[in-house]
Amino acid sequence: MKSLSDSYTLSNGVKIPCVGFGTWQTPDGPTAVAAVKEAIAAGYRHIDTAQMYENESSVGRAVRESDLPRSELFITSKLANPEHGYDETMAAFEGTMRRLEMDYLDLFLVHWPNPAATRERWREANAGTWRAFEELYAAGRVRAIGVSNFRSHHFNALFETARLTPQVNQILLCPGETQDGVRAYCDERGILLEAYSPLGTGRALGDPTLASVAAKYGKTPAQICINWCLRRGWLPLPKSVTPARIRENADVFDFELSDDDADVIASVDLGIKAMDPDTMPF
C-alpha cells in the first residue's frame, strides 16, 4: 500500500480503501461533522461508524458537505447489539439509512456476536441477522457484509445456516494484542481483518519503546502502529478529532519497517486486550 487511495480487495471483488477513519467515541454533532470533513479533506475515503456510536447522522452530514460524490467514499456501519434477529436487523438497517441519508452502505457489520440482550439464544439470533444481511446484500442495499469481534466458534455457528461467508471481521488489533487464533482462522477463509483501536485506545502514543522505534524513522508512535498494521495485511481504523493528528495518521506510506522493528512493535504490552464477546455486559 502506497497511499490512502490504495485498496484491499474483498472476497466478493469489492475494493475497500486500505485505511479507514474511525469514529468510535466521537460525539454526535459539530465535533463528529468537523472530524469526518477533516478526514475527507486529508484524503481518507473510508469512514467507519456504527449504530452504537450514535453519530451516524453526523457522518452522513459530513459526507454531504464534502466536495466528493458519494460513490468516491466507502461508508461502514454496524448493527446495534439489541437488534439481533431477522426483523430487528431489517428495521435497524432502515434506521441507519435514514440517519445517514444514503441509498446504500458499502459495508454492514454485525457489531458483536453474543450481546447480553440475546445471550440465551445467540446462535438463533445471529442466524436471523445474517439472513437479513444476505438479503440486503442480494438487493444491492449493501455492497459487502461482515462481522466484528467474532471468534472461531461464532463463525462456526454462523456457517451452520449462512449462504455467504463474511467478507470482513473487525477486531481489536494493536501492539501486544494480535489475536493470532482469530487471525489464522480468518486468513484461511479469505476474511479481511480490520484493526480497530490500532493505537491501543491511545496508549501507544506515550509508550517509550514505540517512541524509540518511531524516532528511527522520523515518525510518531501512531504512524508506526498504522504502518505496522498495513504490513501485516490488516486494515487499520485510526481515530482522532484533532486535525493535525488526523493528517498525521494518513502520512504512513513513505517508510518500511524492518523485520526486527516490526517484531518489537508486536511485542509491546500496552495493557489492552480484546474483550471476551461471550461475557461482556452489553
C-alpha atoms as a PDB file:
ATOM      1  CA  MET A   1       0.000   0.000   0.000  1.00  0.00           C
ATOM      2  CA  LYS A   2       1.366   3.382  -1.019  1.00  0.00           C
ATOM      3  CA  SER A   3      -1.446   5.868  -0.311  1.00  0.00           C
ATOM      4  CA  LEU A   4      -4.895   6.289   1.202  1.00  0.00           C
ATOM      5  CA  SER A   5      -6.338   5.700  -2.260  1.00  0.00           C
ATOM      6  CA  ASP A   6      -4.941   2.154  -2.391  1.00  0.00           C
ATOM      7  CA  SER A   7      -7.342  -0.660  -1.559  1.00  0.00           C
ATOM      8  CA  TYR A   8      -7.700  -4.211  -0.399  1.00  0.00           C
ATOM      9  CA  THR A   9      -9.969  -6.415  -2.488  1.00  0.00           C
ATOM     10  CA  LEU A  10     -12.616  -8.279  -0.537  1.00  0.00           C
ATOM     11  CA  SER A  11     -13.566 -11.851  -1.368  1.00  0.00           C
ATOM     12  CA  ASN A  12     -16.544 -10.631  -3.401  1.00  0.00           C
ATOM     13  CA  GLY A  13     -14.367  -8.337  -5.526  1.00  0.00           C
ATOM     14  CA  VAL A  14     -15.325  -5.071  -3.806  1.00  0.00           C
ATOM     15  CA  LYS A  15     -12.388  -2.740  -3.221  1.00  0.00           C
ATOM     16  CA  ILE A  16     -12.066  -1.219   0.251  1.00  0.00           C
ATOM     17  CA  PRO A  17      -9.675   1.699   0.944  1.00  0.00           C
ATOM     18  CA  CYS A  18      -6.718   0.427   2.949  1.00  0.00           C
ATOM     19  CA  VAL A  19      -7.033   2.821   5.909  1.00  0.00           C
ATOM     20  CA  GLY A  20     -10.359   3.769   7.448  1.00  0.00           C
ATOM     21  CA  PHE A  21     -11.237   6.751   9.595  1.00  0.00           C
ATOM     22  CA  GLY A  22     -12.719   5.564  12.880  1.00  0.00           C
ATOM     23  CA  THR A  23     -15.444   7.482  14.724  1.00  0.00           C
ATOM     24  CA  TRP A  24     -15.850   5.472  17.948  1.00  0.00           C
ATOM     25  CA  GLN A  25     -16.269   7.827  20.946  1.00  0.00           C
ATOM     26  CA  THR A  26     -16.601  10.820  18.621  1.00  0.00           C
ATOM     27  CA  PRO A  27     -19.596  12.802  19.904  1.00  0.00           C
ATOM     28  CA  ASP A  28     -22.526  13.336  17.568  1.00  0.00           C
ATOM     29  CA  GLY A  29     -22.884  16.892  16.337  1.00  0.00           C
ATOM     30  CA  PRO A  30     -20.294  19.510  15.352  1.00  0.00           C
ATOM     31  CA  THR A  31     -17.323  17.507  16.661  1.00  0.00           C
ATOM     32  CA  ALA A  32     -18.099  14.453  14.526  1.00  0.00           C
ATOM     33  CA  VAL A  33     -19.028  16.516  11.483  1.00  0.00           C
ATOM     34  CA  ALA A  34     -15.794  18.506  11.668  1.00  0.00           C
ATOM     35  CA  ALA A  35     -13.633  15.416  12.226  1.00  0.00           C
ATOM     36  CA  VAL A  36     -15.096  13.486   9.290  1.00  0.00           C
ATOM     37  CA  LYS A  37     -14.873  16.504   6.983  1.00  0.00           C
ATOM     38  CA  GLU A  38     -11.238  16.981   8.025  1.00  0.00           C
ATOM     39  CA  ALA A  39     -10.533  13.318   7.321  1.00  0.00           C
ATOM     40  CA  ILE A  40     -12.074  13.522   3.867  1.00  0.00           C
ATOM     41  CA  ALA A  41     -10.076  16.671   3.135  1.00  0.00           C
ATOM     42  CA  ALA A  42      -6.916  14.835   4.267  1.00  0.00           C
ATOM     43  CA  GLY A  43      -7.548  12.068   1.751  1.00  0.00           C
ATOM     44  CA  TYR A  44      -9.413   9.405   3.717  1.00  0.00           C
ATOM     45  CA  ARG A  45     -12.023   7.685   1.565  1.00  0.00           C
ATOM     46  CA  HIS A  46     -13.204   5.110   4.103  1.00  0.00           C
ATOM     47  CA  ILE A  47     -15.337   6.205   7.076  1.00  0.00           C
ATOM     48  CA  ASP A  48     -16.317   3.772   9.844  1.00  0.00           C
ATOM     49  CA  THR A  49     -19.318   4.362  12.108  1.00  0.00           C
ATOM     50  CA  ALA A  50     -21.866   2.234  13.967  1.00  0.00           C
ATOM     51  CA  GLN A  51     -25.381   2.410  15.312  1.00  0.00           C
ATOM     52  CA  MET A  52     -23.972   2.137  18.842  1.00  0.00           C
ATOM     53  CA  TYR A  53     -21.688   5.131  18.263  1.00  0.00           C
ATOM     54  CA  GLU A  54     -24.800   7.337  17.907  1.00  0.00           C
ATOM     55  CA  ASN A  55     -23.079   9.576  15.356  1.00  0.00           C
ATOM     56  CA  GLU A  56     -24.373   8.227  12.034  1.00  0.00           C
ATOM     57  CA  SER A  57     -26.309  11.447  11.387  1.00  0.00           C
ATOM     58  CA  SER A  58     -23.142  13.497  11.732  1.00  0.00           C
ATOM     59  CA  VAL A  59     -21.204  11.160   9.441  1.00  0.00           C
ATOM     60  CA  GLY A  60     -23.918  11.489   6.824  1.00  0.00           C
ATOM     61  CA  ARG A  61     -23.930  15.263   7.128  1.00  0.00           C
ATOM     62  CA  ALA A  62     -20.150  15.436   6.783  1.00  0.00           C
ATOM     63  CA  VAL A  63     -20.279  13.318   3.633  1.00  0.00           C
ATOM     64  CA  ARG A  64     -22.967  15.542   2.128  1.00  0.00           C
ATOM     65  CA  GLU A  65     -20.997  18.678   2.966  1.00  0.00           C
ATOM     66  CA  SER A  66     -17.765  17.331   1.491  1.00  0.00           C
ATOM     67  CA  ASP A  67     -16.791  18.059  -2.094  1.00  0.00           C
ATOM     68  CA  LEU A  68     -16.871  14.392  -3.071  1.00  0.00           C
ATOM     69  CA  PRO A  69     -19.654  12.379  -4.664  1.00  0.00           C
ATOM     70  CA  ARG A  70     -20.986   9.552  -2.521  1.00  0.00           C
ATOM     71  CA  SER A  71     -19.561   6.982  -4.943  1.00  0.00           C
ATOM     72  CA  GLU A  72     -15.993   8.016  -4.086  1.00  0.00           C
ATOM     73  CA  LEU A  73     -16.403   7.193  -0.399  1.00  0.00           C
ATOM     74  CA  PHE A  74     -16.610   3.867   1.406  1.00  0.00           C
ATOM     75  CA  ILE A  75     -19.029   4.014   4.336  1.00  0.00           C
ATOM     76  CA  THR A  76     -19.300   1.314   7.005  1.00  0.00           C
ATOM     77  CA  SER A  77     -21.830   0.958   9.805  1.00  0.00           C
ATOM     78  CA  LYS A  78     -22.576  -1.800  12.313  1.00  0.00           C
ATOM     79  CA  LEU A  79     -25.686  -3.383  13.778  1.00  0.00           C
ATOM     80  CA  ALA A  80     -26.501  -2.410  17.371  1.00  0.00           C
ATOM     81  CA  ASN A  81     -26.464  -5.189  19.962  1.00  0.00           C
ATOM     82  CA  PRO A  82     -30.186  -5.152  20.903  1.00  0.00           C
ATOM     83  CA  GLU A  83     -31.220  -5.530  17.250  1.00  0.00           C
ATOM     84  CA  HIS A  84     -30.180  -9.136  16.548  1.00  0.00           C
ATOM     85  CA  GLY A  85     -32.732 -11.244  14.680  1.00  0.00           C
ATOM     86  CA  TYR A  86     -34.181 -11.002  11.175  1.00  0.00           C
ATOM     87  CA  ASP A  87     -36.940  -8.430  11.717  1.00  0.00           C
ATOM     88  CA  GLU A  88     -34.904  -6.402  14.170  1.00  0.00           C
ATOM     89  CA  THR A  89     -31.973  -6.236  11.757  1.00  0.00           C
ATOM     90  CA  MET A  90     -34.106  -5.105   8.842  1.00  0.00           C
ATOM     91  CA  ALA A  91     -35.677  -2.320  10.904  1.00  0.00           C
ATOM     92  CA  ALA A  92     -32.310  -1.245  12.344  1.00  0.00           C
ATOM     93  CA  PHE A  93     -30.768  -1.085   8.875  1.00  0.00           C
ATOM     94  CA  GLU A  94     -33.504   1.265   7.687  1.00  0.00           C
ATOM     95  CA  GLY A  95     -32.796   3.443  10.703  1.00  0.00           C
ATOM     96  CA  THR A  96     -29.139   3.647   9.721  1.00  0.00           C
ATOM     97  CA  MET A  97     -30.035   4.655   6.187  1.00  0.00           C
ATOM     98  CA  ARG A  98     -32.378   7.384   7.458  1.00  0.00           C
ATOM     99  CA  ARG A  99     -29.728   8.782   9.765  1.00  0.00           C
ATOM    100  CA  LEU A 100     -27.001   8.676   7.137  1.00  0.00           C
ATOM    101  CA  GLU A 101     -29.414   9.897   4.447  1.00  0.00           C
ATOM    102  CA  MET A 102     -27.867   7.459   1.985  1.00  0.00           C
ATOM    103  CA  ASP A 103     -29.264   4.963  -0.509  1.00  0.00           C
ATOM    104  CA  TYR A 104     -26.750   2.207   0.235  1.00  0.00           C
ATOM    105  CA  LEU A 105     -23.936   1.164   2.542  1.00  0.00           C
ATOM    106  CA  ASP A 106     -20.570  -0.050   1.352  1.00  0.00           C
ATOM    107  CA  LEU A 107     -20.149  -2.378   4.345  1.00  0.00           C
ATOM    108  CA  PHE A 108     -22.517  -3.503   7.098  1.00  0.00           C
ATOM    109  CA  LEU A 109     -21.178  -5.443  10.079  1.00  0.00           C
ATOM    110  CA  VAL A 110     -22.640  -7.433  12.955  1.00  0.00           C
ATOM    111  CA  HIS A 111     -21.045  -5.434  15.760  1.00  0.00           C
ATOM    112  CA  TRP A 112     -20.843  -8.188  18.442  1.00  0.00           C
ATOM    113  CA  PRO A 113     -21.572 -11.926  18.146  1.00  0.00           C
ATOM    114  CA  ASN A 114     -23.040 -12.578  21.579  1.00  0.00           C
ATOM    115  CA  PRO A 115     -24.521  -9.461  23.164  1.00  0.00           C
ATOM    116  CA  ALA A 116     -26.267  -9.577  26.512  1.00  0.00           C
ATOM    117  CA  ALA A 117     -29.716  -8.992  25.010  1.00  0.00           C
ATOM    118  CA  THR A 118     -29.713 -12.294  23.092  1.00  0.00           C
ATOM    119  CA  ARG A 119     -27.151 -14.304  25.070  1.00  0.00           C
ATOM    120  CA  GLU A 120     -29.506 -17.190  25.763  1.00  0.00           C
ATOM    121  CA  ARG A 121     -30.249 -17.632  22.043  1.00  0.00           C
ATOM    122  CA  TRP A 122     -27.310 -16.027  20.300  1.00  0.00           C
ATOM    123  CA  ARG A 123     -26.932 -18.698  17.619  1.00  0.00           C
ATOM    124  CA  GLU A 124     -30.563 -18.374  16.536  1.00  0.00           C
ATOM    125  CA  ALA A 125     -30.437 -14.580  16.704  1.00  0.00           C
ATOM    126  CA  ASN A 126     -27.252 -14.417  14.633  1.00  0.00           C
ATOM    127  CA  ALA A 127     -28.737 -16.778  12.041  1.00  0.00           C
ATOM    128  CA  GLY A 128     -31.710 -14.454  11.601  1.00  0.00           C
ATOM    129  CA  THR A 129     -29.493 -11.404  11.464  1.00  0.00           C
ATOM    130  CA  TRP A 130     -27.221 -12.947   8.863  1.00  0.00           C
ATOM    131  CA  ARG A 131     -30.207 -13.948   6.718  1.00  0.00           C
ATOM    132  CA  ALA A 132     -31.212 -10.287   6.741  1.00  0.00           C
ATOM    133  CA  PHE A 133     -27.652  -9.265   5.857  1.00  0.00           C
ATOM    134  CA  GLU A 134     -27.638 -11.677   2.919  1.00  0.00           C
ATOM    135  CA  GLU A 135     -30.937 -10.288   1.654  1.00  0.00           C
ATOM    136  CA  LEU A 136     -29.717  -6.700   1.934  1.00  0.00           C
ATOM    137  CA  TYR A 137     -26.597  -7.701   0.029  1.00  0.00           C
ATOM    138  CA  ALA A 138     -28.582  -9.502  -2.689  1.00  0.00           C
ATOM    139  CA  ALA A 139     -30.829  -6.452  -3.068  1.00  0.00           C
ATOM    140  CA  GLY A 140     -27.834  -4.128  -3.548  1.00  0.00           C
ATOM    141  CA  ARG A 141     -28.542  -2.155  -0.388  1.00  0.00           C
ATOM    142  CA  VAL A 142     -25.098  -3.148   0.913  1.00  0.00           C
ATOM    143  CA  ARG A 143     -22.009  -3.764  -1.219  1.00  0.00           C
ATOM    144  CA  ALA A 144     -20.296  -6.031   1.331  1.00  0.00           C
ATOM    145  CA  ILE A 145     -21.255  -7.709   4.605  1.00  0.00           C
ATOM    146  CA  GLY A 146     -19.209  -8.807   7.555  1.00  0.00           C
ATOM    147  CA  VAL A 147     -18.874  -9.108  11.298  1.00  0.00           C
ATOM    148  CA  SER A 148     -16.963  -7.633  14.202  1.00  0.00           C
ATOM    149  CA  ASN A 149     -15.464  -9.217  17.313  1.00  0.00           C
ATOM    150  CA  PHE A 150     -16.205 -12.755  16.062  1.00  0.00           C
ATOM    151  CA  ARG A 151     -14.100 -15.698  17.173  1.00  0.00           C
ATOM    152  CA  SER A 152     -13.906 -19.115  15.573  1.00  0.00           C
ATOM    153  CA  HIS A 153     -16.837 -20.656  17.441  1.00  0.00           C
ATOM    154  CA  HIS A 154     -19.060 -17.729  16.477  1.00  0.00           C
ATOM    155  CA  PHE A 155     -18.138 -18.236  12.829  1.00  0.00           C
ATOM    156  CA  ASN A 156     -18.706 -21.983  13.084  1.00  0.00           C
ATOM    157  CA  ALA A 157     -22.206 -21.434  14.449  1.00  0.00           C
ATOM    158  CA  LEU A 158     -22.956 -18.855  11.746  1.00  0.00           C
ATOM    159  CA  PHE A 159     -21.798 -21.205   8.995  1.00  0.00           C
ATOM    160  CA  GLU A 160     -24.444 -23.740  10.013  1.00  0.00           C
ATOM    161  CA  THR A 161     -27.048 -21.640   8.172  1.00  0.00           C
ATOM    162  CA  ALA A 162     -25.114 -18.958   6.259  1.00  0.00           C
ATOM    163  CA  ARG A 163     -25.006 -18.985   2.475  1.00  0.00           C
ATOM    164  CA  LEU A 164     -22.314 -16.304   2.296  1.00  0.00           C
ATOM    165  CA  THR A 165     -19.038 -16.067   4.182  1.00  0.00           C
ATOM    166  CA  PRO A 166     -18.477 -12.695   5.882  1.00  0.00           C
ATOM    167  CA  GLN A 167     -16.048 -10.589   3.892  1.00  0.00           C
ATOM    168  CA  VAL A 168     -14.675  -8.726   6.932  1.00  0.00           C
ATOM    169  CA  ASN A 169     -14.048  -9.285  10.633  1.00  0.00           C
ATOM    170  CA  GLN A 170     -13.334  -6.051  12.518  1.00  0.00           C
ATOM    171  CA  ILE A 171     -11.472  -6.791  15.754  1.00  0.00           C
ATOM    172  CA  LEU A 172      -9.126  -5.180  18.254  1.00  0.00           C
ATOM    173  CA  LEU A 173      -5.606  -5.362  16.829  1.00  0.00           C
ATOM    174  CA  CYS A 174      -2.739  -3.329  18.226  1.00  0.00           C
ATOM    175  CA  PRO A 175       0.780  -3.790  19.616  1.00  0.00           C
ATOM    176  CA  GLY A 176       0.612  -6.591  22.163  1.00  0.00           C
ATOM    177  CA  GLU A 177      -2.820  -7.819  21.031  1.00  0.00           C
ATOM    178  CA  THR A 178      -2.638  -9.634  17.714  1.00  0.00           C
ATOM    179  CA  GLN A 179      -5.359 -12.251  18.299  1.00  0.00           C
ATOM    180  CA  ASP A 180      -3.378 -14.903  16.452  1.00  0.00           C
ATOM    181  CA  GLY A 181      -6.062 -17.581  16.625  1.00  0.00           C
ATOM    182  CA  VAL A 182      -8.728 -15.365  15.081  1.00  0.00           C
ATOM    183  CA  ARG A 183      -6.223 -14.091  12.545  1.00  0.00           C
ATOM    184  CA  ALA A 184      -5.330 -17.571  11.345  1.00  0.00           C
ATOM    185  CA  TYR A 185      -8.994 -18.600  11.139  1.00  0.00           C
ATOM    186  CA  CYS A 186      -9.901 -15.552   9.033  1.00  0.00           C
ATOM    187  CA  ASP A 187      -6.820 -15.796   6.818  1.00  0.00           C
ATOM    188  CA  GLU A 188      -7.723 -19.386   5.912  1.00  0.00           C
ATOM    189  CA  ARG A 189     -11.184 -18.272   4.804  1.00  0.00           C
ATOM    190  CA  GLY A 190     -10.306 -15.076   2.957  1.00  0.00           C
ATOM    191  CA  ILE A 191     -11.897 -12.822   5.568  1.00  0.00           C
ATOM    192  CA  LEU A 192     -10.185  -9.426   5.742  1.00  0.00           C
ATOM    193  CA  LEU A 193      -9.223  -8.264   9.231  1.00  0.00           C
ATOM    194  CA  GLU A 194      -9.926  -4.653  10.112  1.00  0.00           C
ATOM    195  CA  ALA A 195      -7.995  -3.339  13.106  1.00  0.00           C
ATOM    196  CA  TYR A 196      -9.983  -1.144  15.441  1.00  0.00           C
ATOM    197  CA  SER A 197      -8.089   0.763  18.138  1.00  0.00           C
ATOM    198  CA  PRO A 198      -4.779   0.203  16.278  1.00  0.00           C
ATOM    199  CA  LEU A 199      -3.184   2.724  18.649  1.00  0.00           C
ATOM    200  CA  GLY A 200      -4.324   0.779  21.705  1.00  0.00           C
ATOM    201  CA  THR A 201      -7.014   3.372  22.540  1.00  0.00           C
ATOM    202  CA  GLY A 202      -4.260   5.987  22.521  1.00  0.00           C
ATOM    203  CA  ARG A 203      -1.845   4.170  24.826  1.00  0.00           C
ATOM    204  CA  ALA A 204       0.652   3.747  22.003  1.00  0.00           C
ATOM    205  CA  LEU A 205       1.225   7.497  21.918  1.00  0.00           C
ATOM    206  CA  GLY A 206       3.012   7.515  25.270  1.00  0.00           C
ATOM    207  CA  ASP A 207       4.827   4.197  25.092  1.00  0.00           C
ATOM    208  CA  PRO A 208       8.635   4.657  25.334  1.00  0.00           C
ATOM    209  CA  THR A 209       9.501   1.571  23.275  1.00  0.00           C
ATOM    210  CA  LEU A 210       7.243   2.662  20.421  1.00  0.00           C
ATOM    211  CA  ALA A 211       8.630   6.190  20.686  1.00  0.00           C
ATOM    212  CA  SER A 212      12.159   4.806  20.333  1.00  0.00           C
ATOM    213  CA  VAL A 213      11.253   2.779  17.236  1.00  0.00           C
ATOM    214  CA  ALA A 214       9.368   5.716  15.741  1.00  0.00           C
ATOM    215  CA  ALA A 215      12.360   8.038  16.194  1.00  0.00           C
ATOM    216  CA  LYS A 216      14.467   5.768  13.960  1.00  0.00           C
ATOM    217  CA  TYR A 217      12.101   6.512  11.074  1.00  0.00           C
ATOM    218  CA  GLY A 218      11.400  10.152  11.882  1.00  0.00           C
ATOM    219  CA  LYS A 219       7.796   9.201  12.611  1.00  0.00           C
ATOM    220  CA  THR A 220       5.397   9.173  15.550  1.00  0.00           C
ATOM    221  CA  PRO A 221       4.270   6.121  17.527  1.00  0.00           C
ATOM    222  CA  ALA A 222       0.854   6.430  15.892  1.00  0.00           C
ATOM    223  CA  GLN A 223       2.351   6.384  12.412  1.00  0.00           C
ATOM    224  CA  ILE A 224       4.458   3.294  13.007  1.00  0.00           C
ATOM    225  CA  CYS A 225       1.487   1.429  14.516  1.00  0.00           C
ATOM    226  CA  ILE A 226      -0.657   2.155  11.461  1.00  0.00           C
ATOM    227  CA  ASN A 227       2.175   1.199   9.106  1.00  0.00           C
ATOM    228  CA  TRP A 228       2.715  -1.990  11.141  1.00  0.00           C
ATOM    229  CA  CYS A 229      -0.950  -2.938  10.693  1.00  0.00           C
ATOM    230  CA  LEU A 230      -0.715  -2.474   6.936  1.00  0.00           C
ATOM    231  CA  ARG A 231       2.493  -4.503   6.868  1.00  0.00           C
ATOM    232  CA  ARG A 232       0.584  -7.391   8.440  1.00  0.00           C
ATOM    233  CA  GLY A 233      -2.192  -7.163   5.862  1.00  0.00           C
ATOM    234  CA  TRP A 234      -4.739  -5.603   8.209  1.00  0.00           C
ATOM    235  CA  LEU A 235      -6.912  -2.573   7.565  1.00  0.00           C
ATOM    236  CA  PRO A 236      -6.348  -0.052  10.390  1.00  0.00           C
ATOM    237  CA  LEU A 237      -9.066   2.315  11.614  1.00  0.00           C
ATOM    238  CA  PRO A 238      -7.302   5.146  13.467  1.00  0.00           C
ATOM    239  CA  LYS A 239      -9.500   7.722  15.171  1.00  0.00           C
ATOM    240  CA  SER A 240      -8.900  11.325  16.148  1.00  0.00           C
ATOM    241  CA  VAL A 241     -10.798  14.602  16.336  1.00  0.00           C
ATOM    242  CA  THR A 242      -7.628  16.716  16.156  1.00  0.00           C
ATOM    243  CA  PRO A 243      -6.916  17.990  12.623  1.00  0.00           C
ATOM    244  CA  ALA A 244      -3.135  17.679  12.926  1.00  0.00           C
ATOM    245  CA  ARG A 245      -3.374  14.097  14.135  1.00  0.00           C
ATOM    246  CA  ILE A 246      -5.951  13.179  11.520  1.00  0.00           C
ATOM    247  CA  ARG A 247      -3.454  14.231   8.864  1.00  0.00           C
ATOM    248  CA  GLU A 248      -0.513  12.700  10.701  1.00  0.00           C
ATOM    249  CA  ASN A 249      -2.276   9.337  10.782  1.00  0.00           C
ATOM    250  CA  ALA A 250      -2.570   9.454   6.994  1.00  0.00           C
ATOM    251  CA  ASP A 251       1.171  10.034   6.490  1.00  0.00           C
ATOM    252  CA  VAL A 252       2.219   6.406   6.891  1.00  0.00           C
ATOM    253  CA  PHE A 253       3.256   5.233   3.448  1.00  0.00           C
ATOM    254  CA  ASP A 254       6.762   6.639   2.944  1.00  0.00           C
ATOM    255  CA  PHE A 255       8.745   4.203   5.082  1.00  0.00           C
ATOM    256  CA  GLU A 256       9.144   0.464   5.577  1.00  0.00           C
ATOM    257  CA  LEU A 257       9.644  -1.136   8.971  1.00  0.00           C
ATOM    258  CA  SER A 258      12.449  -3.641   9.366  1.00  0.00           C
ATOM    259  CA  ASP A 259      11.540  -7.162  10.411  1.00  0.00           C
ATOM    260  CA  ASP A 260      13.190  -6.610  13.786  1.00  0.00           C
ATOM    261  CA  ASP A 261      11.302  -3.389  14.458  1.00  0.00           C
ATOM    262  CA  ALA A 262       8.019  -4.983  13.389  1.00  0.00           C
ATOM    263  CA  ASP A 263       8.664  -7.745  15.926  1.00  0.00           C
ATOM    264  CA  VAL A 264       9.394  -5.179  18.623  1.00  0.00           C
ATOM    265  CA  ILE A 265       6.103  -3.391  17.919  1.00  0.00           C
ATOM    266  CA  ALA A 266       4.192  -6.673  18.103  1.00  0.00           C
ATOM    267  CA  SER A 267       5.714  -7.468  21.486  1.00  0.00           C
ATOM    268  CA  VAL A 268       4.945  -4.159  23.192  1.00  0.00           C
ATOM    269  CA  ASP A 269       2.428  -4.595  26.012  1.00  0.00           C
ATOM    270  CA  LEU A 270       0.063  -1.638  26.086  1.00  0.00           C
ATOM    271  CA  GLY A 271      -2.083  -3.268  28.737  1.00  0.00           C
ATOM    272  CA  ILE A 272      -5.094  -3.624  26.466  1.00  0.00           C
ATOM    273  CA  LYS A 273      -6.712  -6.902  25.464  1.00  0.00           C
ATOM    274  CA  ALA A 274      -9.772  -7.804  23.433  1.00  0.00           C
ATOM    275  CA  MET A 275     -12.981  -8.198  25.422  1.00  0.00           C
ATOM    276  CA  ASP A 276     -14.490 -11.670  25.646  1.00  0.00           C
ATOM    277  CA  PRO A 277     -17.618 -11.331  23.463  1.00  0.00           C
ATOM    278  CA  ASP A 278     -19.313 -14.165  25.365  1.00  0.00           C
ATOM    279  CA  THR A 279     -19.164 -12.438  28.758  1.00  0.00           C
ATOM    280  CA  MET A 280     -19.263  -8.707  28.009  1.00  0.00           C
ATOM    281  CA  PRO A 281     -22.094  -6.930  29.852  1.00  0.00           C
ATOM    282  CA  PHE A 282     -23.683  -5.112  26.902  1.00  0.00           C
END
